[in-house]
Amino acid sequence: MPARPPSPQTPVGRSLETDDGRTLATTAQLAASIEATTGYRLDEATLEAILLEFDRGDYVEWTTVTRDGEYVWDLTETPDRIGDAVATAILERIHSWLGDETTP
């Protein structure tokens, strides 16, 4: 049997934070966490499609796939990245409003 590198540690249960302070979750764990927090159940396939788009936009980081074929997402910097994108969009909108008001 060939030597394989150890698999990355994936979160177990409802805890999404790892020992090194990163926030890792599979799509199923993230869906369960969202449901527990909001009371709304998300379709995992739809959530995964959204997460893939977020990965393309650099809002989340896809890290690995579990042995069961589930994606593992690194969500550590996601709130900051999304917050920065929202702040940038709001500032652009405000600048366009101010620019429109100063136009004769």
N, C-alpha and C. Protein backbone atom coordinates (compact mmCIF):
# COMPACT_ATOMS: atom_id res chain seq x y z
N MET A 1 0.85 -1.18 0.00
CA MET A 1 0.00 0.00 0.00
C MET A 1 0.89 1.24 0.00
N PRO A 2 0.69 2.16 -0.94
CA PRO A 2 1.53 3.35 -1.01
C PRO A 2 1.27 4.27 0.18
N ALA A 3 2.31 4.95 0.60
CA ALA A 3 2.16 5.91 1.70
C ALA A 3 1.40 7.12 1.20
N ARG A 4 0.41 7.54 1.95
CA ARG A 4 -0.39 8.71 1.60
C ARG A 4 -0.21 9.77 2.68
N PRO A 5 -0.27 11.02 2.29
CA PRO A 5 -0.22 12.06 3.32
C PRO A 5 -1.48 12.00 4.16
N PRO A 6 -1.41 12.41 5.41
CA PRO A 6 -2.62 12.36 6.24
C PRO A 6 -3.70 13.29 5.69
N SER A 7 -4.94 12.86 5.83
CA SER A 7 -6.06 13.69 5.40
C SER A 7 -6.19 14.88 6.34
N PRO A 8 -6.61 16.03 5.80
CA PRO A 8 -6.82 17.18 6.68
C PRO A 8 -7.92 16.87 7.67
N GLN A 9 -7.78 17.42 8.84
CA GLN A 9 -8.80 17.21 9.87
C GLN A 9 -10.08 17.92 9.45
N THR A 10 -11.18 17.21 9.51
CA THR A 10 -12.47 17.82 9.21
C THR A 10 -13.25 17.94 10.50
N PRO A 11 -14.09 18.95 10.60
CA PRO A 11 -14.84 19.14 11.83
C PRO A 11 -15.80 18.00 12.08
N VAL A 12 -16.02 17.71 13.33
CA VAL A 12 -16.92 16.64 13.72
C VAL A 12 -18.09 17.26 14.46
N GLY A 13 -19.28 16.74 14.22
CA GLY A 13 -20.45 17.24 14.93
C GLY A 13 -20.79 18.65 14.48
N ARG A 14 -21.26 19.46 15.43
CA ARG A 14 -21.71 20.80 15.09
C ARG A 14 -20.61 21.84 15.20
N SER A 15 -19.47 21.47 15.79
CA SER A 15 -18.38 22.42 15.94
C SER A 15 -17.73 22.66 14.59
N LEU A 16 -17.61 23.90 14.20
CA LEU A 16 -17.04 24.23 12.91
C LEU A 16 -15.62 24.78 13.04
N GLU A 17 -15.19 25.08 14.26
CA GLU A 17 -13.87 25.67 14.44
C GLU A 17 -12.85 24.61 14.79
N THR A 18 -11.66 24.71 14.19
CA THR A 18 -10.60 23.74 14.42
C THR A 18 -9.65 24.24 15.51
N ASP A 19 -8.72 23.38 15.90
CA ASP A 19 -7.76 23.74 16.94
C ASP A 19 -6.89 24.92 16.54
N ASP A 20 -6.62 25.09 15.26
CA ASP A 20 -5.75 26.18 14.82
C ASP A 20 -6.52 27.46 14.53
N GLY A 21 -7.80 27.52 14.92
CA GLY A 21 -8.59 28.73 14.77
C GLY A 21 -9.28 28.89 13.43
N ARG A 22 -9.07 27.95 12.52
CA ARG A 22 -9.76 28.03 11.23
C ARG A 22 -11.18 27.51 11.38
N THR A 23 -12.05 27.97 10.53
CA THR A 23 -13.42 27.51 10.52
C THR A 23 -13.61 26.66 9.27
N LEU A 24 -13.70 25.34 9.46
CA LEU A 24 -13.87 24.40 8.36
C LEU A 24 -15.21 23.70 8.51
N ALA A 25 -15.86 23.47 7.38
CA ALA A 25 -17.15 22.77 7.41
C ALA A 25 -17.42 22.12 6.07
N THR A 26 -18.08 20.98 6.13
CA THR A 26 -18.58 20.38 4.90
C THR A 26 -19.87 21.11 4.54
N THR A 27 -20.35 20.89 3.34
CA THR A 27 -21.60 21.52 2.92
C THR A 27 -22.73 21.09 3.85
N ALA A 28 -22.77 19.80 4.22
CA ALA A 28 -23.82 19.30 5.11
C ALA A 28 -23.74 19.95 6.49
N GLN A 29 -22.53 20.10 7.02
CA GLN A 29 -22.36 20.74 8.32
C GLN A 29 -22.78 22.20 8.27
N LEU A 30 -22.43 22.87 7.19
CA LEU A 30 -22.82 24.27 7.06
C LEU A 30 -24.33 24.40 6.93
N ALA A 31 -24.96 23.53 6.16
CA ALA A 31 -26.42 23.55 6.03
C ALA A 31 -27.08 23.30 7.38
N ALA A 32 -26.55 22.35 8.15
CA ALA A 32 -27.11 22.06 9.48
C ALA A 32 -26.93 23.24 10.42
N SER A 33 -25.78 23.91 10.34
CA SER A 33 -25.53 25.07 11.19
C SER A 33 -26.47 26.23 10.84
N ILE A 34 -26.68 26.45 9.55
CA ILE A 34 -27.60 27.50 9.11
C ILE A 34 -29.01 27.18 9.59
N GLU A 35 -29.40 25.92 9.46
CA GLU A 35 -30.74 25.51 9.91
C GLU A 35 -30.89 25.70 11.42
N ALA A 36 -29.87 25.32 12.18
CA ALA A 36 -29.93 25.46 13.63
C ALA A 36 -30.02 26.93 14.05
N THR A 37 -29.36 27.79 13.29
CA THR A 37 -29.32 29.21 13.63
C THR A 37 -30.57 29.95 13.17
N THR A 38 -31.03 29.66 11.97
CA THR A 38 -32.14 30.42 11.39
C THR A 38 -33.48 29.70 11.42
N GLY A 39 -33.44 28.38 11.53
CA GLY A 39 -34.67 27.60 11.47
C GLY A 39 -35.09 27.25 10.05
N TYR A 40 -34.31 27.67 9.06
CA TYR A 40 -34.61 27.37 7.66
C TYR A 40 -33.67 26.30 7.14
N ARG A 41 -34.26 25.30 6.47
CA ARG A 41 -33.46 24.22 5.90
C ARG A 41 -33.12 24.56 4.46
N LEU A 42 -31.83 24.52 4.15
CA LEU A 42 -31.38 24.77 2.79
C LEU A 42 -31.11 23.46 2.07
N ASP A 43 -31.44 23.42 0.80
CA ASP A 43 -31.11 22.28 -0.02
C ASP A 43 -29.59 22.24 -0.18
N GLU A 44 -28.96 21.12 0.18
CA GLU A 44 -27.51 21.02 0.16
C GLU A 44 -26.93 21.21 -1.24
N ALA A 45 -27.61 20.71 -2.26
CA ALA A 45 -27.11 20.86 -3.63
C ALA A 45 -27.09 22.34 -4.03
N THR A 46 -28.13 23.07 -3.66
CA THR A 46 -28.19 24.49 -3.96
C THR A 46 -27.13 25.25 -3.17
N LEU A 47 -26.99 24.92 -1.89
CA LEU A 47 -25.98 25.56 -1.07
C LEU A 47 -24.58 25.30 -1.63
N GLU A 48 -24.34 24.08 -2.06
CA GLU A 48 -23.04 23.75 -2.64
C GLU A 48 -22.78 24.55 -3.91
N ALA A 49 -23.79 24.73 -4.74
CA ALA A 49 -23.64 25.54 -5.95
C ALA A 49 -23.30 26.98 -5.59
N ILE A 50 -23.94 27.51 -4.56
CA ILE A 50 -23.65 28.88 -4.11
C ILE A 50 -22.22 28.95 -3.58
N LEU A 51 -21.82 27.95 -2.79
CA LEU A 51 -20.46 27.94 -2.24
C LEU A 51 -19.41 27.85 -3.34
N LEU A 52 -19.68 27.10 -4.39
CA LEU A 52 -18.75 27.03 -5.52
C LEU A 52 -18.60 28.40 -6.18
N GLU A 53 -19.71 29.12 -6.31
CA GLU A 53 -19.64 30.47 -6.87
C GLU A 53 -18.87 31.41 -5.92
N PHE A 54 -19.10 31.26 -4.62
CA PHE A 54 -18.35 32.06 -3.65
C PHE A 54 -16.86 31.73 -3.72
N ASP A 55 -16.55 30.47 -3.97
CA ASP A 55 -15.14 30.07 -4.12
C ASP A 55 -14.53 30.75 -5.33
N ARG A 56 -15.26 30.80 -6.43
CA ARG A 56 -14.77 31.47 -7.64
C ARG A 56 -14.54 32.96 -7.39
N GLY A 57 -15.36 33.55 -6.52
CA GLY A 57 -15.22 34.96 -6.18
C GLY A 57 -14.26 35.22 -5.03
N ASP A 58 -13.65 34.17 -4.51
CA ASP A 58 -12.68 34.26 -3.42
C ASP A 58 -13.30 34.70 -2.09
N TYR A 59 -14.57 34.31 -1.86
CA TYR A 59 -15.22 34.61 -0.59
C TYR A 59 -15.09 33.44 0.39
N VAL A 60 -15.02 32.23 -0.13
CA VAL A 60 -14.74 31.04 0.67
C VAL A 60 -13.60 30.30 -0.01
N GLU A 61 -13.04 29.34 0.71
CA GLU A 61 -11.96 28.56 0.14
C GLU A 61 -12.31 27.08 0.20
N TRP A 62 -12.35 26.45 -0.94
CA TRP A 62 -12.53 25.01 -1.01
C TRP A 62 -11.18 24.40 -0.65
N THR A 63 -11.16 23.51 0.35
CA THR A 63 -9.88 22.98 0.80
C THR A 63 -9.63 21.55 0.40
N THR A 64 -10.65 20.70 0.49
CA THR A 64 -10.45 19.28 0.18
C THR A 64 -11.81 18.62 0.00
N VAL A 65 -11.78 17.34 -0.29
CA VAL A 65 -12.99 16.52 -0.38
C VAL A 65 -12.82 15.38 0.62
N THR A 66 -13.85 15.10 1.39
CA THR A 66 -13.78 14.02 2.36
C THR A 66 -13.82 12.68 1.65
N ARG A 67 -13.60 11.63 2.38
CA ARG A 67 -13.68 10.28 1.81
C ARG A 67 -15.08 9.95 1.31
N ASP A 68 -16.08 10.64 1.86
CA ASP A 68 -17.47 10.45 1.43
C ASP A 68 -17.83 11.30 0.22
N GLY A 69 -16.87 12.08 -0.27
CA GLY A 69 -17.11 12.91 -1.45
C GLY A 69 -17.68 14.29 -1.16
N GLU A 70 -17.67 14.71 0.12
CA GLU A 70 -18.18 16.03 0.47
C GLU A 70 -17.06 17.06 0.41
N TYR A 71 -17.40 18.24 -0.09
CA TYR A 71 -16.44 19.34 -0.09
C TYR A 71 -16.23 19.82 1.34
N VAL A 72 -15.02 20.24 1.65
CA VAL A 72 -14.72 20.89 2.92
C VAL A 72 -14.35 22.33 2.59
N TRP A 73 -15.02 23.26 3.24
CA TRP A 73 -14.86 24.68 2.98
C TRP A 73 -14.14 25.34 4.14
N ASP A 74 -13.21 26.24 3.83
CA ASP A 74 -12.56 27.06 4.85
C ASP A 74 -13.30 28.40 4.86
N LEU A 75 -14.02 28.65 5.94
CA LEU A 75 -14.86 29.84 6.05
C LEU A 75 -14.24 30.89 6.96
N THR A 76 -12.97 30.69 7.31
CA THR A 76 -12.31 31.53 8.31
C THR A 76 -12.42 33.01 7.99
N GLU A 77 -12.12 33.41 6.77
CA GLU A 77 -12.10 34.82 6.41
C GLU A 77 -13.34 35.25 5.64
N THR A 78 -14.32 34.37 5.51
CA THR A 78 -15.52 34.67 4.72
C THR A 78 -16.26 35.91 5.20
N PRO A 79 -16.53 36.08 6.50
CA PRO A 79 -17.26 37.30 6.91
C PRO A 79 -16.53 38.58 6.52
N ASP A 80 -15.20 38.60 6.69
CA ASP A 80 -14.44 39.79 6.33
C ASP A 80 -14.46 40.03 4.83
N ARG A 81 -14.33 38.97 4.05
CA ARG A 81 -14.32 39.11 2.59
C ARG A 81 -15.67 39.59 2.07
N ILE A 82 -16.75 39.02 2.58
CA ILE A 82 -18.08 39.45 2.16
C ILE A 82 -18.34 40.88 2.63
N GLY A 83 -17.94 41.19 3.87
CA GLY A 83 -18.10 42.54 4.40
C GLY A 83 -17.37 43.57 3.56
N ASP A 84 -16.15 43.25 3.15
CA ASP A 84 -15.38 44.16 2.29
C ASP A 84 -16.08 44.38 0.96
N ALA A 85 -16.61 43.30 0.38
CA ALA A 85 -17.30 43.42 -0.91
C ALA A 85 -18.56 44.27 -0.78
N VAL A 86 -19.31 44.08 0.31
CA VAL A 86 -20.53 44.87 0.52
C VAL A 86 -20.16 46.33 0.74
N ALA A 87 -19.14 46.59 1.56
CA ALA A 87 -18.71 47.96 1.83
C ALA A 87 -18.27 48.66 0.54
N THR A 88 -17.53 47.95 -0.30
CA THR A 88 -17.09 48.52 -1.57
C THR A 88 -18.29 48.86 -2.45
N ALA A 89 -19.26 47.96 -2.52
CA ALA A 89 -20.45 48.21 -3.34
C ALA A 89 -21.25 49.40 -2.81
N ILE A 90 -21.36 49.51 -1.50
CA ILE A 90 -22.09 50.64 -0.91
C ILE A 90 -21.37 51.95 -1.19
N LEU A 91 -20.04 51.95 -1.03
CA LEU A 91 -19.28 53.18 -1.31
C LEU A 91 -19.40 53.58 -2.78
N GLU A 92 -19.36 52.62 -3.67
CA GLU A 92 -19.52 52.93 -5.09
C GLU A 92 -20.89 53.54 -5.37
N ARG A 93 -21.90 52.99 -4.71
CA ARG A 93 -23.26 53.52 -4.89
C ARG A 93 -23.37 54.94 -4.35
N ILE A 94 -22.78 55.17 -3.17
CA ILE A 94 -22.82 56.52 -2.57
C ILE A 94 -22.08 57.51 -3.46
N HIS A 95 -20.91 57.10 -3.96
CA HIS A 95 -20.17 57.99 -4.86
C HIS A 95 -20.97 58.30 -6.12
N SER A 96 -21.67 57.31 -6.65
CA SER A 96 -22.48 57.58 -7.85
C SER A 96 -23.64 58.51 -7.53
N TRP A 97 -24.24 58.37 -6.35
CA TRP A 97 -25.33 59.28 -5.95
C TRP A 97 -24.79 60.70 -5.80
N LEU A 98 -23.65 60.82 -5.12
CA LEU A 98 -23.06 62.15 -4.93
C LEU A 98 -22.65 62.76 -6.25
N GLY A 99 -22.13 61.92 -7.14
CA GLY A 99 -21.75 62.40 -8.46
C GLY A 99 -22.96 62.86 -9.24
N ASP A 100 -24.07 62.13 -9.12
CA ASP A 100 -25.30 62.50 -9.82
C ASP A 100 -25.87 63.80 -9.29
N GLU A 101 -25.75 64.04 -7.97
CA GLU A 101 -26.31 65.26 -7.38
C GLU A 101 -25.52 66.50 -7.75
N THR A 102 -24.22 66.34 -8.00
CA THR A 102 -23.40 67.50 -8.32
C THR A 102 -23.40 67.82 -9.81
N THR A 103 -24.00 66.95 -10.62
CA THR A 103 -24.07 67.19 -12.05
C THR A 103 -25.17 68.20 -12.35
N PRO A 104 -24.86 69.31 -13.10
CA PRO A 104 -25.90 70.33 -13.38
C PRO A 104 -26.98 69.81 -14.28
